[in-house]
Amino acid sequence: MINEQEILLRLGQRLKQLREEKGYSLRELEAHSHIDNSDLSKIERGQQKLTFITLCKIAQGLEIPFTTLLDGFDL
């Protein structure tokens, strides 16, 4: 069974991948998602838990469907 920290790391890596594919810096994603860039950085490094609402804001900030965040995200 996968542990919580591994889930956070994998999700953070996925979010960073999507942000970089979009060509956004952390500051640009901050402007689009209204989430502080230091929090976004912690999320990408798997150092901060996030809520469903935070995931929704990130998806909106990246201008992608919410489900895209989890594409290819296997547990």
N, C-alpha and C. Protein backbone atom coordinates (compact mmCIF):
# COMPACT_ATOMS: atom_id res chain seq x y z
N MET A 1 0.84 -1.18 0.00
CA MET A 1 0.00 0.00 0.00
C MET A 1 0.89 1.25 0.00
N ILE A 2 0.50 2.21 -0.79
CA ILE A 2 1.26 3.46 -0.90
C ILE A 2 0.94 4.36 0.30
N ASN A 3 1.97 5.02 0.80
CA ASN A 3 1.75 5.88 1.97
C ASN A 3 1.41 7.32 1.55
N GLU A 4 0.97 8.08 2.53
CA GLU A 4 0.52 9.45 2.28
C GLU A 4 1.62 10.31 1.66
N GLN A 5 2.83 10.19 2.16
CA GLN A 5 3.93 11.01 1.64
C GLN A 5 4.21 10.71 0.17
N GLU A 6 4.14 9.44 -0.20
CA GLU A 6 4.37 9.06 -1.60
C GLU A 6 3.27 9.64 -2.49
N ILE A 7 2.05 9.64 -2.02
CA ILE A 7 0.94 10.23 -2.78
C ILE A 7 1.20 11.72 -3.00
N LEU A 8 1.58 12.42 -1.94
CA LEU A 8 1.86 13.86 -2.05
C LEU A 8 3.01 14.13 -3.01
N LEU A 9 4.05 13.30 -2.96
CA LEU A 9 5.18 13.48 -3.88
C LEU A 9 4.76 13.28 -5.33
N ARG A 10 4.02 12.21 -5.58
CA ARG A 10 3.59 11.93 -6.96
C ARG A 10 2.66 13.01 -7.49
N LEU A 11 1.73 13.44 -6.66
CA LEU A 11 0.81 14.48 -7.09
C LEU A 11 1.57 15.79 -7.34
N GLY A 12 2.50 16.11 -6.47
CA GLY A 12 3.31 17.31 -6.65
C GLY A 12 4.10 17.27 -7.95
N GLN A 13 4.66 16.12 -8.27
CA GLN A 13 5.40 15.97 -9.52
C GLN A 13 4.49 16.16 -10.73
N ARG A 14 3.27 15.63 -10.62
CA ARG A 14 2.30 15.77 -11.71
C ARG A 14 1.93 17.24 -11.90
N LEU A 15 1.69 17.94 -10.81
CA LEU A 15 1.32 19.35 -10.91
C LEU A 15 2.46 20.18 -11.50
N LYS A 16 3.68 19.88 -11.09
CA LYS A 16 4.84 20.60 -11.64
C LYS A 16 4.97 20.33 -13.14
N GLN A 17 4.78 19.08 -13.54
CA GLN A 17 4.85 18.72 -14.95
C GLN A 17 3.83 19.53 -15.76
N LEU A 18 2.60 19.59 -15.27
CA LEU A 18 1.55 20.33 -15.98
C LEU A 18 1.85 21.82 -16.03
N ARG A 19 2.36 22.36 -14.94
CA ARG A 19 2.72 23.79 -14.91
C ARG A 19 3.81 24.09 -15.93
N GLU A 20 4.83 23.24 -15.97
CA GLU A 20 5.93 23.46 -16.90
C GLU A 20 5.48 23.27 -18.35
N GLU A 21 4.60 22.31 -18.60
CA GLU A 21 4.06 22.13 -19.95
C GLU A 21 3.31 23.38 -20.41
N LYS A 22 2.66 24.03 -19.48
CA LYS A 22 1.92 25.26 -19.79
C LYS A 22 2.88 26.45 -19.96
N GLY A 23 4.12 26.28 -19.50
CA GLY A 23 5.11 27.35 -19.61
C GLY A 23 5.01 28.39 -18.51
N TYR A 24 4.36 28.03 -17.41
CA TYR A 24 4.17 28.96 -16.30
C TYR A 24 5.27 28.82 -15.26
N SER A 25 5.69 29.95 -14.74
CA SER A 25 6.52 29.95 -13.54
C SER A 25 5.58 29.81 -12.34
N LEU A 26 6.15 29.60 -11.16
CA LEU A 26 5.32 29.54 -9.96
C LEU A 26 4.57 30.86 -9.75
N ARG A 27 5.23 31.96 -10.03
CA ARG A 27 4.58 33.27 -9.86
C ARG A 27 3.42 33.45 -10.84
N GLU A 28 3.59 32.95 -12.06
CA GLU A 28 2.50 33.05 -13.03
C GLU A 28 1.31 32.19 -12.60
N LEU A 29 1.59 30.99 -12.10
CA LEU A 29 0.50 30.15 -11.62
C LEU A 29 -0.16 30.78 -10.40
N GLU A 30 0.63 31.42 -9.56
CA GLU A 30 0.07 32.14 -8.41
C GLU A 30 -0.95 33.18 -8.89
N ALA A 31 -0.59 33.93 -9.90
CA ALA A 31 -1.48 34.97 -10.42
C ALA A 31 -2.77 34.39 -10.99
N HIS A 32 -2.67 33.23 -11.62
CA HIS A 32 -3.84 32.62 -12.25
C HIS A 32 -4.70 31.82 -11.27
N SER A 33 -4.08 31.26 -10.24
CA SER A 33 -4.81 30.38 -9.33
C SER A 33 -5.16 31.04 -7.99
N HIS A 34 -4.51 32.16 -7.70
CA HIS A 34 -4.70 32.86 -6.42
C HIS A 34 -4.25 32.01 -5.24
N ILE A 35 -3.20 31.21 -5.47
CA ILE A 35 -2.55 30.43 -4.42
C ILE A 35 -1.13 30.94 -4.32
N ASP A 36 -0.68 31.26 -3.13
CA ASP A 36 0.66 31.80 -2.91
C ASP A 36 1.72 30.89 -3.53
N ASN A 37 2.71 31.49 -4.20
CA ASN A 37 3.73 30.69 -4.88
C ASN A 37 4.55 29.85 -3.92
N SER A 38 4.72 30.29 -2.68
CA SER A 38 5.45 29.46 -1.72
C SER A 38 4.64 28.20 -1.37
N ASP A 39 3.33 28.33 -1.31
CA ASP A 39 2.48 27.15 -1.09
C ASP A 39 2.53 26.23 -2.31
N LEU A 40 2.49 26.80 -3.49
CA LEU A 40 2.57 26.00 -4.71
C LEU A 40 3.89 25.23 -4.75
N SER A 41 4.97 25.88 -4.37
CA SER A 41 6.28 25.22 -4.34
C SER A 41 6.27 24.04 -3.37
N LYS A 42 5.71 24.24 -2.19
CA LYS A 42 5.63 23.15 -1.21
C LYS A 42 4.78 22.00 -1.73
N ILE A 43 3.68 22.33 -2.39
CA ILE A 43 2.82 21.31 -2.97
C ILE A 43 3.59 20.50 -4.00
N GLU A 44 4.31 21.18 -4.88
CA GLU A 44 5.07 20.49 -5.93
C GLU A 44 6.16 19.59 -5.35
N ARG A 45 6.68 19.94 -4.19
CA ARG A 45 7.72 19.12 -3.54
C ARG A 45 7.13 18.06 -2.62
N GLY A 46 5.80 17.99 -2.55
CA GLY A 46 5.15 17.01 -1.70
C GLY A 46 5.24 17.33 -0.23
N GLN A 47 5.44 18.59 0.09
CA GLN A 47 5.62 19.01 1.49
C GLN A 47 4.39 19.66 2.09
N GLN A 48 3.31 19.71 1.34
CA GLN A 48 2.10 20.34 1.85
C GLN A 48 0.88 19.58 1.36
N LYS A 49 -0.01 19.28 2.28
CA LYS A 49 -1.28 18.66 1.91
C LYS A 49 -2.13 19.69 1.20
N LEU A 50 -3.02 19.22 0.34
CA LEU A 50 -3.88 20.15 -0.34
C LEU A 50 -5.31 19.64 -0.35
N THR A 51 -6.23 20.56 -0.46
CA THR A 51 -7.64 20.24 -0.44
C THR A 51 -8.17 20.10 -1.86
N PHE A 52 -9.37 19.60 -1.95
CA PHE A 52 -10.05 19.52 -3.23
C PHE A 52 -10.18 20.92 -3.85
N ILE A 53 -10.50 21.89 -3.02
CA ILE A 53 -10.65 23.28 -3.50
C ILE A 53 -9.33 23.79 -4.07
N THR A 54 -8.22 23.49 -3.40
CA THR A 54 -6.91 23.90 -3.90
C THR A 54 -6.63 23.26 -5.25
N LEU A 55 -6.95 21.98 -5.39
CA LEU A 55 -6.76 21.31 -6.68
C LEU A 55 -7.61 21.97 -7.77
N CYS A 56 -8.84 22.33 -7.42
CA CYS A 56 -9.71 23.02 -8.38
C CYS A 56 -9.11 24.36 -8.80
N LYS A 57 -8.57 25.11 -7.85
CA LYS A 57 -7.95 26.40 -8.17
C LYS A 57 -6.74 26.23 -9.07
N ILE A 58 -5.95 25.18 -8.81
CA ILE A 58 -4.78 24.92 -9.65
C ILE A 58 -5.22 24.57 -11.07
N ALA A 59 -6.24 23.72 -11.20
CA ALA A 59 -6.75 23.37 -12.52
C ALA A 59 -7.25 24.61 -13.25
N GLN A 60 -7.98 25.47 -12.55
CA GLN A 60 -8.46 26.71 -13.16
C GLN A 60 -7.29 27.60 -13.56
N GLY A 61 -6.29 27.68 -12.69
CA GLY A 61 -5.12 28.50 -12.98
C GLY A 61 -4.35 28.02 -14.20
N LEU A 62 -4.33 26.71 -14.38
CA LEU A 62 -3.65 26.12 -15.54
C LEU A 62 -4.56 26.06 -16.77
N GLU A 63 -5.82 26.43 -16.58
CA GLU A 63 -6.82 26.40 -17.66
C GLU A 63 -6.94 25.01 -18.26
N ILE A 64 -7.06 24.02 -17.37
CA ILE A 64 -7.22 22.63 -17.79
C ILE A 64 -8.39 22.02 -17.01
N PRO A 65 -8.99 20.95 -17.56
CA PRO A 65 -10.04 20.27 -16.80
C PRO A 65 -9.45 19.65 -15.53
N PHE A 66 -10.23 19.63 -14.48
CA PHE A 66 -9.78 19.06 -13.21
C PHE A 66 -9.24 17.64 -13.40
N THR A 67 -9.91 16.85 -14.21
CA THR A 67 -9.52 15.45 -14.38
C THR A 67 -8.13 15.30 -14.98
N THR A 68 -7.66 16.30 -15.70
CA THR A 68 -6.32 16.26 -16.28
C THR A 68 -5.26 16.19 -15.19
N LEU A 69 -5.55 16.76 -14.03
CA LEU A 69 -4.59 16.71 -12.92
C LEU A 69 -4.27 15.28 -12.53
N LEU A 70 -5.24 14.40 -12.70
CA LEU A 70 -5.07 13.02 -12.24
C LEU A 70 -4.81 12.03 -13.37
N ASP A 71 -4.79 12.50 -14.62
CA ASP A 71 -4.48 11.61 -15.74
C ASP A 71 -3.12 10.95 -15.54
N GLY A 72 -3.09 9.65 -15.63
CA GLY A 72 -1.83 8.92 -15.48
C GLY A 72 -1.34 8.84 -14.06
N PHE A 73 -2.15 9.27 -13.11
CA PHE A 73 -1.77 9.26 -11.70
C PHE A 73 -2.27 7.96 -11.09
N ASP A 74 -1.40 6.97 -11.07
CA ASP A 74 -1.76 5.67 -10.53
C ASP A 74 -1.26 5.53 -9.11
N LEU A 75 -2.08 4.93 -8.28
CA LEU A 75 -1.68 4.68 -6.89
C LEU A 75 -1.14 3.28 -6.75
